[in-house]
Amino acid sequence: AEDGLALSSRNAYLSAEERVAALALPRALKAAAAQICAGADVAEILAETIATIKAAGFSSVDYVALCDSVTLEPLKLLDRPARLLAAARIGLSRSDGFTTRLIDNISVNREEAQ
């Protein structure tokens, strides 16, 4: 979307305030990708990214993972083109008992970062 949130029909479940808070997800992924491309430890960055997303108002983070861009095999090192994948829940529990689950992913490639 224009504001940076991944396009999803689930966005309709978000209040205006939740939508603003949800922007932390793509921002956290972009920051993590930049740090990983710069050579930071992948495991540390993934843990920090989870903490950042939770601190921004998400109720839980299902996963943040660096994966091979073709096979989606989890990676411990950035040694090939990759994608940073995330799923997290935000918002008040609706009448059905569920919060809104947002997913996003971005490219992580040293050549693109330069």
PDB file of N, CA and C in Angstrom:
ATOM      1  N   ALA A   1       0.844  -1.185   0.000  1.00  0.00           N
ATOM      2  CA  ALA A   1       0.000   0.000   0.000  1.00  0.00           C
ATOM      3  C   ALA A   1       0.883   1.240   0.000  1.00  0.00           C
ATOM      4  N   GLU A   2       0.295   2.358  -0.270  1.00  0.00           N
ATOM      5  CA  GLU A   2       1.054   3.612  -0.326  1.00  0.00           C
ATOM      6  C   GLU A   2       1.775   3.924   0.975  1.00  0.00           C
ATOM      7  N   ASP A   3       1.196   3.514   2.099  1.00  0.00           N
ATOM      8  CA  ASP A   3       1.821   3.816   3.393  1.00  0.00           C
ATOM      9  C   ASP A   3       2.919   2.828   3.773  1.00  0.00           C
ATOM     10  N   GLY A   4       3.131   1.781   2.972  1.00  0.00           N
ATOM     11  CA  GLY A   4       4.195   0.812   3.238  1.00  0.00           C
ATOM     12  C   GLY A   4       3.711  -0.512   3.778  1.00  0.00           C
ATOM     13  N   LEU A   5       2.450  -0.597   4.166  1.00  0.00           N
ATOM     14  CA  LEU A   5       1.893  -1.850   4.671  1.00  0.00           C
ATOM     15  C   LEU A   5       1.638  -2.783   3.498  1.00  0.00           C
ATOM     16  N   ALA A   6       1.935  -4.063   3.681  1.00  0.00           N
ATOM     17  CA  ALA A   6       1.689  -5.037   2.626  1.00  0.00           C
ATOM     18  C   ALA A   6       0.207  -5.066   2.287  1.00  0.00           C
ATOM     19  N   LEU A   7      -0.101  -5.162   1.005  1.00  0.00           N
ATOM     20  CA  LEU A   7      -1.499  -5.237   0.588  1.00  0.00           C
ATOM     21  C   LEU A   7      -2.113  -6.539   1.069  1.00  0.00           C
ATOM     22  N   SER A   8      -3.273  -6.430   1.721  1.00  0.00           N
ATOM     23  CA  SER A   8      -3.946  -7.610   2.243  1.00  0.00           C
ATOM     24  C   SER A   8      -5.382  -7.271   2.568  1.00  0.00           C
ATOM     25  N   SER A   9      -6.271  -8.213   2.347  1.00  0.00           N
ATOM     26  CA  SER A   9      -7.662  -8.017   2.753  1.00  0.00           C
ATOM     27  C   SER A   9      -7.765  -7.932   4.276  1.00  0.00           C
ATOM     28  N   ARG A  10      -6.781  -8.455   4.982  1.00  0.00           N
ATOM     29  CA  ARG A  10      -6.788  -8.422   6.450  1.00  0.00           C
ATOM     30  C   ARG A  10      -6.645  -7.010   6.993  1.00  0.00           C
ATOM     31  N   ASN A  11      -6.115  -6.099   6.189  1.00  0.00           N
ATOM     32  CA  ASN A  11      -5.941  -4.723   6.646  1.00  0.00           C
ATOM     33  C   ASN A  11      -7.280  -4.085   7.007  1.00  0.00           C
ATOM     34  N   ALA A  12      -8.352  -4.582   6.430  1.00  0.00           N
ATOM     35  CA  ALA A  12      -9.683  -4.037   6.718  1.00  0.00           C
ATOM     36  C   ALA A  12     -10.080  -4.256   8.173  1.00  0.00           C
ATOM     37  N   TYR A  13      -9.463  -5.220   8.837  1.00  0.00           N
ATOM     38  CA  TYR A  13      -9.765  -5.489  10.241  1.00  0.00           C
ATOM     39  C   TYR A  13      -9.094  -4.496  11.186  1.00  0.00           C
ATOM     40  N   LEU A  14      -8.157  -3.715  10.688  1.00  0.00           N
ATOM     41  CA  LEU A  14      -7.380  -2.810  11.532  1.00  0.00           C
ATOM     42  C   LEU A  14      -8.083  -1.476  11.724  1.00  0.00           C
ATOM     43  N   SER A  15      -8.058  -0.986  12.962  1.00  0.00           N
ATOM     44  CA  SER A  15      -8.521   0.372  13.213  1.00  0.00           C
ATOM     45  C   SER A  15      -7.457   1.324  12.659  1.00  0.00           C
ATOM     46  N   ALA A  16      -7.770   2.611  12.610  1.00  0.00           N
ATOM     47  CA  ALA A  16      -6.800   3.594  12.124  1.00  0.00           C
ATOM     48  C   ALA A  16      -5.528   3.567  12.970  1.00  0.00           C
ATOM     49  N   GLU A  17      -5.688   3.436  14.287  1.00  0.00           N
ATOM     50  CA  GLU A  17      -4.521   3.402  15.180  1.00  0.00           C
ATOM     51  C   GLU A  17      -3.705   2.124  14.974  1.00  0.00           C
ATOM     52  N   GLU A  18      -4.404   1.012  14.799  1.00  0.00           N
ATOM     53  CA  GLU A  18      -3.708  -0.264  14.576  1.00  0.00           C
ATOM     54  C   GLU A  18      -2.961  -0.245  13.253  1.00  0.00           C
ATOM     55  N   ARG A  19      -3.536   0.384  12.248  1.00  0.00           N
ATOM     56  CA  ARG A  19      -2.870   0.454  10.948  1.00  0.00           C
ATOM     57  C   ARG A  19      -1.568   1.243  11.064  1.00  0.00           C
ATOM     58  N   VAL A  20      -1.599   2.332  11.807  1.00  0.00           N
ATOM     59  CA  VAL A  20      -0.370   3.112  12.014  1.00  0.00           C
ATOM     60  C   VAL A  20       0.664   2.246  12.745  1.00  0.00           C
ATOM     61  N   ALA A  21       0.252   1.550  13.790  1.00  0.00           N
ATOM     62  CA  ALA A  21       1.173   0.682  14.538  1.00  0.00           C
ATOM     63  C   ALA A  21       1.687  -0.452  13.662  1.00  0.00           C
ATOM     64  N   ALA A  22       0.844  -0.947  12.756  1.00  0.00           N
ATOM     65  CA  ALA A  22       1.228  -2.064  11.889  1.00  0.00           C
ATOM     66  C   ALA A  22       2.364  -1.706  10.946  1.00  0.00           C
ATOM     67  N   LEU A  23       2.568  -0.436  10.690  1.00  0.00           N
ATOM     68  CA  LEU A  23       3.674  -0.011   9.823  1.00  0.00           C
ATOM     69  C   LEU A  23       5.031  -0.377  10.409  1.00  0.00           C
ATOM     70  N   ALA A  24       5.055  -0.703  11.691  1.00  0.00           N
ATOM     71  CA  ALA A  24       6.312  -1.139  12.311  1.00  0.00           C
ATOM     72  C   ALA A  24       6.819  -2.431  11.684  1.00  0.00           C
ATOM     73  N   LEU A  25       5.916  -3.258  11.159  1.00  0.00           N
ATOM     74  CA  LEU A  25       6.344  -4.540  10.579  1.00  0.00           C
ATOM     75  C   LEU A  25       7.228  -4.336   9.354  1.00  0.00           C
ATOM     76  N   PRO A  26       6.782  -3.630   8.311  1.00  0.00           N
ATOM     77  CA  PRO A  26       7.688  -3.445   7.175  1.00  0.00           C
ATOM     78  C   PRO A  26       8.931  -2.635   7.520  1.00  0.00           C
ATOM     79  N   ARG A  27       8.791  -1.691   8.434  1.00  0.00           N
ATOM     80  CA  ARG A  27       9.966  -0.901   8.830  1.00  0.00           C
ATOM     81  C   ARG A  27      10.998  -1.770   9.533  1.00  0.00           C
ATOM     82  N   ALA A  28      10.535  -2.654  10.404  1.00  0.00           N
ATOM     83  CA  ALA A  28      11.461  -3.552  11.110  1.00  0.00           C
ATOM     84  C   ALA A  28      12.147  -4.499  10.134  1.00  0.00           C
ATOM     85  N   LEU A  29      11.401  -4.986   9.138  1.00  0.00           N
ATOM     86  CA  LEU A  29      12.002  -5.883   8.145  1.00  0.00           C
ATOM     87  C   LEU A  29      13.053  -5.154   7.317  1.00  0.00           C
ATOM     88  N   LYS A  30      12.771  -3.928   6.918  1.00  0.00           N
ATOM     89  CA  LYS A  30      13.750  -3.158   6.145  1.00  0.00           C
ATOM     90  C   LYS A  30      15.017  -2.906   6.946  1.00  0.00           C
ATOM     91  N   ALA A  31      14.854  -2.554   8.216  1.00  0.00           N
ATOM     92  CA  ALA A  31      16.025  -2.317   9.066  1.00  0.00           C
ATOM     93  C   ALA A  31      16.831  -3.598   9.246  1.00  0.00           C
ATOM     94  N   ALA A  32      16.139  -4.715   9.457  1.00  0.00           N
ATOM     95  CA  ALA A  32      16.821  -5.996   9.628  1.00  0.00           C
ATOM     96  C   ALA A  32      17.568  -6.383   8.360  1.00  0.00           C
ATOM     97  N   ALA A  33      16.938  -6.201   7.214  1.00  0.00           N
ATOM     98  CA  ALA A  33      17.584  -6.541   5.946  1.00  0.00           C
ATOM     99  C   ALA A  33      18.862  -5.729   5.759  1.00  0.00           C
ATOM    100  N   ALA A  34      18.804  -4.451   6.072  1.00  0.00           N
ATOM    101  CA  ALA A  34      19.989  -3.600   5.936  1.00  0.00           C
ATOM    102  C   ALA A  34      21.112  -4.076   6.846  1.00  0.00           C
ATOM    103  N   GLN A  35      20.782  -4.446   8.078  1.00  0.00           N
ATOM    104  CA  GLN A  35      21.799  -4.912   9.013  1.00  0.00           C
ATOM    105  C   GLN A  35      22.384  -6.250   8.570  1.00  0.00           C
ATOM    106  N   ILE A  36      21.529  -7.144   8.089  1.00  0.00           N
ATOM    107  CA  ILE A  36      22.019  -8.450   7.620  1.00  0.00           C
ATOM    108  C   ILE A  36      22.915  -8.256   6.403  1.00  0.00           C
ATOM    109  N   CYS A  37      22.526  -7.379   5.481  1.00  0.00           N
ATOM    110  CA  CYS A  37      23.353  -7.107   4.304  1.00  0.00           C
ATOM    111  C   CYS A  37      24.695  -6.501   4.694  1.00  0.00           C
ATOM    112  N   ALA A  38      24.717  -5.772   5.793  1.00  0.00           N
ATOM    113  CA  ALA A  38      25.952  -5.153   6.271  1.00  0.00           C
ATOM    114  C   ALA A  38      26.843  -6.128   7.020  1.00  0.00           C
ATOM    115  N   GLY A  39      26.370  -7.375   7.207  1.00  0.00           N
ATOM    116  CA  GLY A  39      27.199  -8.393   7.838  1.00  0.00           C
ATOM    117  C   GLY A  39      26.870  -8.725   9.272  1.00  0.00           C
ATOM    118  N   ALA A  40      25.799  -8.174   9.803  1.00  0.00           N
ATOM    119  CA  ALA A  40      25.421  -8.464  11.190  1.00  0.00           C
ATOM    120  C   ALA A  40      25.022  -9.925  11.346  1.00  0.00           C
ATOM    121  N   ASP A  41      25.115 -10.420  12.565  1.00  0.00           N
ATOM    122  CA  ASP A  41      24.756 -11.801  12.866  1.00  0.00           C
ATOM    123  C   ASP A  41      23.256 -12.011  12.639  1.00  0.00           C
ATOM    124  N   VAL A  42      22.910 -12.968  11.798  1.00  0.00           N
ATOM    125  CA  VAL A  42      21.518 -13.197  11.418  1.00  0.00           C
ATOM    126  C   VAL A  42      20.652 -13.531  12.627  1.00  0.00           C
ATOM    127  N   ALA A  43      21.078 -14.456  13.470  1.00  0.00           N
ATOM    128  CA  ALA A  43      20.270 -14.859  14.619  1.00  0.00           C
ATOM    129  C   ALA A  43      20.003 -13.679  15.551  1.00  0.00           C
ATOM    130  N   GLU A  44      21.018 -12.861  15.794  1.00  0.00           N
ATOM    131  CA  GLU A  44      20.838 -11.689  16.653  1.00  0.00           C
ATOM    132  C   GLU A  44      19.854 -10.704  16.051  1.00  0.00           C
ATOM    133  N   ILE A  45      19.961 -10.464  14.758  1.00  0.00           N
ATOM    134  CA  ILE A  45      19.075  -9.511  14.092  1.00  0.00           C
ATOM    135  C   ILE A  45      17.643 -10.029  14.085  1.00  0.00           C
ATOM    136  N   LEU A  46      17.452 -11.319  13.860  1.00  0.00           N
ATOM    137  CA  LEU A  46      16.096 -11.868  13.877  1.00  0.00           C
ATOM    138  C   LEU A  46      15.471 -11.706  15.260  1.00  0.00           C
ATOM    139  N   ALA A  47      16.244 -11.978  16.314  1.00  0.00           N
ATOM    140  CA  ALA A  47      15.738 -11.811  17.682  1.00  0.00           C
ATOM    141  C   ALA A  47      15.421 -10.347  17.969  1.00  0.00           C
ATOM    142  N   GLU A  48      16.286  -9.439  17.558  1.00  0.00           N
ATOM    143  CA  GLU A  48      16.042  -8.014  17.766  1.00  0.00           C
ATOM    144  C   GLU A  48      14.810  -7.552  16.999  1.00  0.00           C
ATOM    145  N   THR A  49      14.606  -8.092  15.813  1.00  0.00           N
ATOM    146  CA  THR A  49      13.458  -7.711  14.992  1.00  0.00           C
ATOM    147  C   THR A  49      12.158  -8.159  15.649  1.00  0.00           C
ATOM    148  N   ILE A  50      12.144  -9.352  16.193  1.00  0.00           N
ATOM    149  CA  ILE A  50      10.967  -9.831  16.919  1.00  0.00           C
ATOM    150  C   ILE A  50      10.662  -8.902  18.090  1.00  0.00           C
ATOM    151  N   ALA A  51      11.681  -8.528  18.844  1.00  0.00           N
ATOM    152  CA  ALA A  51      11.493  -7.631  19.988  1.00  0.00           C
ATOM    153  C   ALA A  51      10.981  -6.265  19.531  1.00  0.00           C
ATOM    154  N   THR A  52      11.497  -5.762  18.432  1.00  0.00           N
ATOM    155  CA  THR A  52      11.065  -4.472  17.902  1.00  0.00           C
ATOM    156  C   THR A  52       9.601  -4.506  17.498  1.00  0.00           C
ATOM    157  N   ILE A  53       9.194  -5.582  16.838  1.00  0.00           N
ATOM    158  CA  ILE A  53       7.804  -5.718  16.389  1.00  0.00           C
ATOM    159  C   ILE A  53       6.865  -5.786  17.596  1.00  0.00           C
ATOM    160  N   LYS A  54       7.232  -6.581  18.593  1.00  0.00           N
ATOM    161  CA  LYS A  54       6.402  -6.672  19.800  1.00  0.00           C
ATOM    162  C   LYS A  54       6.314  -5.322  20.510  1.00  0.00           C
ATOM    163  N   ALA A  55       7.428  -4.614  20.600  1.00  0.00           N
ATOM    164  CA  ALA A  55       7.449  -3.324  21.281  1.00  0.00           C
ATOM    165  C   ALA A  55       6.600  -2.282  20.560  1.00  0.00           C
ATOM    166  N   ALA A  56       6.358  -2.490  19.284  1.00  0.00           N
ATOM    167  CA  ALA A  56       5.564  -1.545  18.497  1.00  0.00           C
ATOM    168  C   ALA A  56       4.064  -1.736  18.684  1.00  0.00           C
ATOM    169  N   GLY A  57       3.674  -2.776  19.430  1.00  0.00           N
ATOM    170  CA  GLY A  57       2.257  -2.968  19.697  1.00  0.00           C
ATOM    171  C   GLY A  57       1.660  -4.250  19.174  1.00  0.00           C
ATOM    172  N   PHE A  58       2.459  -5.099  18.563  1.00  0.00           N
ATOM    173  CA  PHE A  58       1.963  -6.399  18.111  1.00  0.00           C
ATOM    174  C   PHE A  58       1.815  -7.305  19.331  1.00  0.00           C
ATOM    175  N   SER A  59       0.749  -8.085  19.359  1.00  0.00           N
ATOM    176  CA  SER A  59       0.512  -8.956  20.514  1.00  0.00           C
ATOM    177  C   SER A  59       1.406 -10.184  20.493  1.00  0.00           C
ATOM    178  N   SER A  60       1.760 -10.643  19.300  1.00  0.00           N
ATOM    179  CA  SER A  60       2.672 -11.785  19.192  1.00  0.00           C
ATOM    180  C   SER A  60       3.313 -11.789  17.809  1.00  0.00           C
ATOM    181  N   VAL A  61       4.438 -12.487  17.730  1.00  0.00           N
ATOM    182  CA  VAL A  61       5.136 -12.667  16.452  1.00  0.00           C
ATOM    183  C   VAL A  61       5.203 -14.164  16.208  1.00  0.00           C
ATOM    184  N   ASP A  62       4.588 -14.603  15.116  1.00  0.00           N
ATOM    185  CA  ASP A  62       4.614 -16.029  14.785  1.00  0.00           C
ATOM    186  C   ASP A  62       5.996 -16.441  14.301  1.00  0.00           C
ATOM    187  N   TYR A  63       6.594 -15.601  13.452  1.00  0.00           N
ATOM    188  CA  TYR A  63       7.953 -15.884  12.989  1.00  0.00           C
ATOM    189  C   TYR A  63       8.545 -14.669  12.294  1.00  0.00           C
ATOM    190  N   VAL A  64       9.872 -14.602  12.336  1.00  0.00           N
ATOM    191  CA  VAL A  64      10.691 -13.746  11.484  1.00  0.00           C
ATOM    192  C   VAL A  64      11.821 -14.656  11.060  1.00  0.00           C
ATOM    193  N   ALA A  65      11.977 -14.861   9.760  1.00  0.00           N
ATOM    194  CA  ALA A  65      12.962 -15.829   9.277  1.00  0.00           C
ATOM    195  C   ALA A  65      13.652 -15.326   8.020  1.00  0.00           C
ATOM    196  N   LEU A  66      14.933 -15.628   7.913  1.00  0.00           N
ATOM    197  CA  LEU A  66      15.693 -15.381   6.695  1.00  0.00           C
ATOM    198  C   LEU A  66      15.711 -16.692   5.924  1.00  0.00           C
ATOM    199  N   CYS A  67      15.251 -16.653   4.674  1.00  0.00           N
ATOM    200  CA  CYS A  67      15.134 -17.877   3.886  1.00  0.00           C
ATOM    201  C   CYS A  67      15.681 -17.681   2.480  1.00  0.00           C
ATOM    202  N   ASP A  68      16.154 -18.784   1.891  1.00  0.00           N
ATOM    203  CA  ASP A  68      16.580 -18.796   0.498  1.00  0.00           C
ATOM    204  C   ASP A  68      15.428 -18.278  -0.355  1.00  0.00           C
ATOM    205  N   SER A  69      15.718 -17.394  -1.296  1.00  0.00           N
ATOM    206  CA  SER A  69      14.651 -16.763  -2.069  1.00  0.00           C
ATOM    207  C   SER A  69      13.938 -17.711  -3.024  1.00  0.00           C
ATOM    208  N   VAL A  70      14.543 -18.853  -3.340  1.00  0.00           N
ATOM    209  CA  VAL A  70      13.915 -19.810  -4.252  1.00  0.00           C
ATOM    210  C   VAL A  70      13.290 -20.968  -3.487  1.00  0.00           C
ATOM    211  N   THR A  71      14.049 -21.586  -2.604  1.00  0.00           N
ATOM    212  CA  THR A  71      13.585 -22.798  -1.920  1.00  0.00           C
ATOM    213  C   THR A  71      12.867 -22.508  -0.598  1.00  0.00           C
ATOM    214  N   LEU A  72      13.042 -21.292  -0.069  1.00  0.00           N
ATOM    215  CA  LEU A  72      12.542 -20.885   1.250  1.00  0.00           C
ATOM    216  C   LEU A  72      13.159 -21.692   2.391  1.00  0.00           C
ATOM    217  N   GLU A  73      14.285 -22.324   2.127  1.00  0.00           N
ATOM    218  CA  GLU A  73      15.051 -23.012   3.171  1.00  0.00           C
ATOM    219  C   GLU A  73      15.573 -21.954   4.144  1.00  0.00           C
ATOM    220  N   PRO A  74      15.398 -22.147   5.459  1.00  0.00           N
ATOM    221  CA  PRO A  74      15.934 -21.186   6.427  1.00  0.00           C
ATOM    222  C   PRO A  74      17.451 -21.053   6.296  1.00  0.00           C
ATOM    223  N   LEU A  75      17.932 -19.833   6.434  1.00  0.00           N
ATOM    224  CA  LEU A  75      19.358 -19.543   6.324  1.00  0.00           C
ATOM    225  C   LEU A  75      19.895 -18.987   7.633  1.00  0.00           C
ATOM    226  N   LYS A  76      21.105 -19.397   7.985  1.00  0.00           N
ATOM    227  CA  LYS A  76      21.784 -18.843   9.152  1.00  0.00           C
ATOM    228  C   LYS A  76      22.766 -17.756   8.750  1.00  0.00           C
ATOM    229  N   LEU A  77      23.132 -17.751   7.462  1.00  0.00           N
ATOM    230  CA  LEU A  77      24.059 -16.766   6.912  1.00  0.00           C
ATOM    231  C   LEU A  77      23.492 -16.246   5.600  1.00  0.00           C
ATOM    232  N   LEU A  78      23.792 -15.013   5.287  1.00  0.00           N
ATOM    233  CA  LEU A  78      23.393 -14.465   4.001  1.00  0.00           C
ATOM    234  C   LEU A  78      24.489 -14.800   2.993  1.00  0.00           C
ATOM    235  N   ASP A  79      24.324 -15.934   2.320  1.00  0.00           N
ATOM    236  CA  ASP A  79      25.327 -16.376   1.353  1.00  0.00           C
ATOM    237  C   ASP A  79      24.732 -16.564  -0.043  1.00  0.00           C
ATOM    238  N   ARG A  80      23.505 -16.093  -0.226  1.00  0.00           N
ATOM    239  CA  ARG A  80      22.802 -16.174  -1.512  1.00  0.00           C
ATOM    240  C   ARG A  80      21.593 -15.246  -1.439  1.00  0.00           C
ATOM    241  N   PRO A  81      20.949 -14.993  -2.552  1.00  0.00           N
ATOM    242  CA  PRO A  81      19.737 -14.166  -2.499  1.00  0.00           C
ATOM    243  C   PRO A  81      18.719 -14.773  -1.537  1.00  0.00           C
ATOM    244  N   ALA A  82      18.138 -13.919  -0.715  1.00  0.00           N
ATOM    245  CA  ALA A  82      17.253 -14.403   0.343  1.00  0.00           C
ATOM    246  C   ALA A  82      16.028 -13.503   0.464  1.00  0.00           C
ATOM    247  N   ARG A  83      15.104 -13.948   1.291  1.00  0.00           N
ATOM    248  CA  ARG A  83      13.920 -13.162   1.644  1.00  0.00           C
ATOM    249  C   ARG A  83      13.784 -13.199   3.158  1.00  0.00           C
ATOM    250  N   LEU A  84      13.379 -12.083   3.697  1.00  0.00           N
ATOM    251  CA  LEU A  84      13.081 -11.986   5.113  1.00  0.00           C
ATOM    252  C   LEU A  84      11.569 -12.085   5.231  1.00  0.00           C
ATOM    253  N   LEU A  85      11.091 -13.105   5.947  1.00  0.00           N
ATOM    254  CA  LEU A  85       9.665 -13.396   6.061  1.00  0.00           C
ATOM    255  C   LEU A  85       9.210 -13.136   7.488  1.00  0.00           C
ATOM    256  N   ALA A  86       7.976 -12.635   7.629  1.00  0.00           N
ATOM    257  CA  ALA A  86       7.452 -12.380   8.977  1.00  0.00           C
ATOM    258  C   ALA A  86       5.940 -12.545   9.009  1.00  0.00           C
ATOM    259  N   ALA A  87       5.462 -12.975  10.154  1.00  0.00           N
ATOM    260  CA  ALA A  87       4.032 -13.017  10.450  1.00  0.00           C
ATOM    261  C   ALA A  87       3.871 -12.605  11.901  1.00  0.00           C
ATOM    262  N   ALA A  88       2.932 -11.692  12.133  1.00  0.00           N
ATOM    263  CA  ALA A  88       2.710 -11.188  13.495  1.00  0.00           C
ATOM    264  C   ALA A  88       1.249 -10.792  13.657  1.00  0.00           C
ATOM    265  N   ARG A  89       0.811 -10.780  14.901  1.00  0.00           N
ATOM    266  CA  ARG A  89      -0.591 -10.467  15.211  1.00  0.00           C
ATOM    267  C   ARG A  89      -0.687  -9.125  15.913  1.00  0.00           C
ATOM    268  N   ILE A  90      -1.693  -8.362  15.496  1.00  0.00           N
ATOM    269  CA  ILE A  90      -1.891  -7.033  16.056  1.00  0.00           C
ATOM    270  C   ILE A  90      -3.386  -6.783  16.242  1.00  0.00           C
ATOM    271  N   GLY A  91      -3.708  -5.931  17.177  1.00  0.00           N
ATOM    272  CA  GLY A  91      -5.090  -5.501  17.359  1.00  0.00           C
ATOM    273  C   GLY A  91      -5.775  -6.175  18.521  1.00  0.00           C
ATOM    274  N   LEU A  92      -6.906  -5.610  18.848  1.00  0.00           N
ATOM    275  CA  LEU A  92      -7.716  -6.173  19.913  1.00  0.00           C
ATOM    276  C   LEU A  92      -8.356  -7.465  19.438  1.00  0.00           C
ATOM    277  N   SER A  93      -8.590  -8.354  20.355  1.00  0.00           N
ATOM    278  CA  SER A  93      -9.257  -9.601  20.022  1.00  0.00           C
ATOM    279  C   SER A  93     -10.673  -9.290  19.551  1.00  0.00           C
ATOM    280  N   ARG A  94     -11.009  -9.775  18.367  1.00  0.00           N
ATOM    281  CA  ARG A  94     -12.349  -9.569  17.813  1.00  0.00           C
ATOM    282  C   ARG A  94     -13.328 -10.523  18.483  1.00  0.00           C
ATOM    283  N   SER A  95     -14.570 -10.428  18.126  1.00  0.00           N
ATOM    284  CA  SER A  95     -15.607 -11.262  18.736  1.00  0.00           C
ATOM    285  C   SER A  95     -15.350 -12.754  18.511  1.00  0.00           C
ATOM    286  N   ASP A  96     -14.627 -13.078  17.439  1.00  0.00           N
ATOM    287  CA  ASP A  96     -14.321 -14.489  17.181  1.00  0.00           C
ATOM    288  C   ASP A  96     -13.087 -14.957  17.943  1.00  0.00           C
ATOM    289  N   GLY A  97     -12.479 -14.062  18.729  1.00  0.00           N
ATOM    290  CA  GLY A  97     -11.344 -14.440  19.558  1.00  0.00           C
ATOM    291  C   GLY A  97      -9.986 -14.295  18.905  1.00  0.00           C
ATOM    292  N   PHE A  98      -9.951 -13.799  17.663  1.00  0.00           N
ATOM    293  CA  PHE A  98      -8.681 -13.706  16.954  1.00  0.00           C
ATOM    294  C   PHE A  98      -8.252 -12.261  16.744  1.00  0.00           C
ATOM    295  N   THR A  99      -6.963 -12.039  16.773  1.00  0.00           N
ATOM    296  CA  THR A  99      -6.399 -10.755  16.385  1.00  0.00           C
ATOM    297  C   THR A  99      -6.081 -10.835  14.897  1.00  0.00           C
ATOM    298  N   THR A 100      -5.676  -9.734  14.321  1.00  0.00           N
ATOM    299  CA  THR A 100      -5.364  -9.709  12.891  1.00  0.00           C
ATOM    300  C   THR A 100      -3.936 -10.185  12.671  1.00  0.00           C
ATOM    301  N   ARG A 101      -3.779 -11.177  11.821  1.00  0.00           N
ATOM    302  CA  ARG A 101      -2.450 -11.716  11.508  1.00  0.00           C
ATOM    303  C   ARG A 101      -1.972 -11.094  10.205  1.00  0.00           C
ATOM    304  N   LEU A 102      -0.874 -10.358  10.303  1.00  0.00           N
ATOM    305  CA  LEU A 102      -0.279  -9.731   9.133  1.00  0.00           C
ATOM    306  C   LEU A 102       0.965 -10.496   8.726  1.00  0.00           C
ATOM    307  N   ILE A 103       1.174 -10.626   7.428  1.00  0.00           N
ATOM    308  CA  ILE A 103       2.381 -11.265   6.914  1.00  0.00           C
ATOM    309  C   ILE A 103       3.064 -10.303   5.949  1.00  0.00           C
ATOM    310  N   ASP A 104       4.371 -10.421   5.850  1.00  0.00           N
ATOM    311  CA  ASP A 104       5.137  -9.567   4.952  1.00  0.00           C
ATOM    312  C   ASP A 104       6.438 -10.271   4.614  1.00  0.00           C
ATOM    313  N   ASN A 105       7.072  -9.838   3.540  1.00  0.00           N
ATOM    314  CA  ASN A 105       8.386 -10.357   3.184  1.00  0.00           C
ATOM    315  C   ASN A 105       9.093  -9.342   2.312  1.00  0.00           C
ATOM    316  N   ILE A 106      10.425  -9.330   2.400  1.00  0.00           N
ATOM    317  CA  ILE A 106      11.224  -8.443   1.564  1.00  0.00           C
ATOM    318  C   ILE A 106      12.475  -9.174   1.099  1.00  0.00           C
ATOM    319  N   SER A 107      13.030  -8.684   0.020  1.00  0.00           N
ATOM    320  CA  SER A 107      14.261  -9.233  -0.532  1.00  0.00           C
ATOM    321  C   SER A 107      15.447  -8.841   0.340  1.00  0.00           C
ATOM    322  N   VAL A 108      16.373  -9.766   0.493  1.00  0.00           N
ATOM    323  CA  VAL A 108      17.617  -9.490   1.209  1.00  0.00           C
ATOM    324  C   VAL A 108      18.738  -9.996   0.305  1.00  0.00           C
ATOM    325  N   ASN A 109      19.441  -9.042  -0.294  1.00  0.00           N
ATOM    326  CA  ASN A 109      20.456  -9.395  -1.288  1.00  0.00           C
ATOM    327  C   ASN A 109      21.554  -8.339  -1.221  1.00  0.00           C
ATOM    328  N   ARG A 110      22.759  -8.763  -0.916  1.00  0.00           N
ATOM    329  CA  ARG A 110      23.872  -7.804  -0.782  1.00  0.00           C
ATOM    330  C   ARG A 110      24.061  -6.973  -2.039  1.00  0.00           C
ATOM    331  N   GLU A 111      23.878  -7.572  -3.213  1.00  0.00           N
ATOM    332  CA  GLU A 111      24.074  -6.854  -4.458  1.00  0.00           C
ATOM    333  C   GLU A 111      23.043  -5.726  -4.616  1.00  0.00           C
ATOM    334  N   GLU A 112      21.806  -5.970  -4.168  1.00  0.00           N
ATOM    335  CA  GLU A 112      20.762  -4.949  -4.261  1.00  0.00           C
ATOM    336  C   GLU A 112      21.011  -3.841  -3.253  1.00  0.00           C
ATOM    337  N   ALA A 113      21.633  -4.159  -2.126  1.00  0.00           N
ATOM    338  CA  ALA A 113      21.845  -3.184  -1.055  1.00  0.00           C
ATOM    339  C   ALA A 113      22.959  -2.201  -1.398  1.00  0.00           C
ATOM    340  N   GLN A 114      23.801  -2.551  -2.326  1.00  0.00           N
ATOM    341  CA  GLN A 114      24.958  -1.699  -2.632  1.00  0.00           C
ATOM    342  C   GLN A 114      24.626  -0.622  -3.637  1.00  0.00           C
TER     343      GLN A 114
END
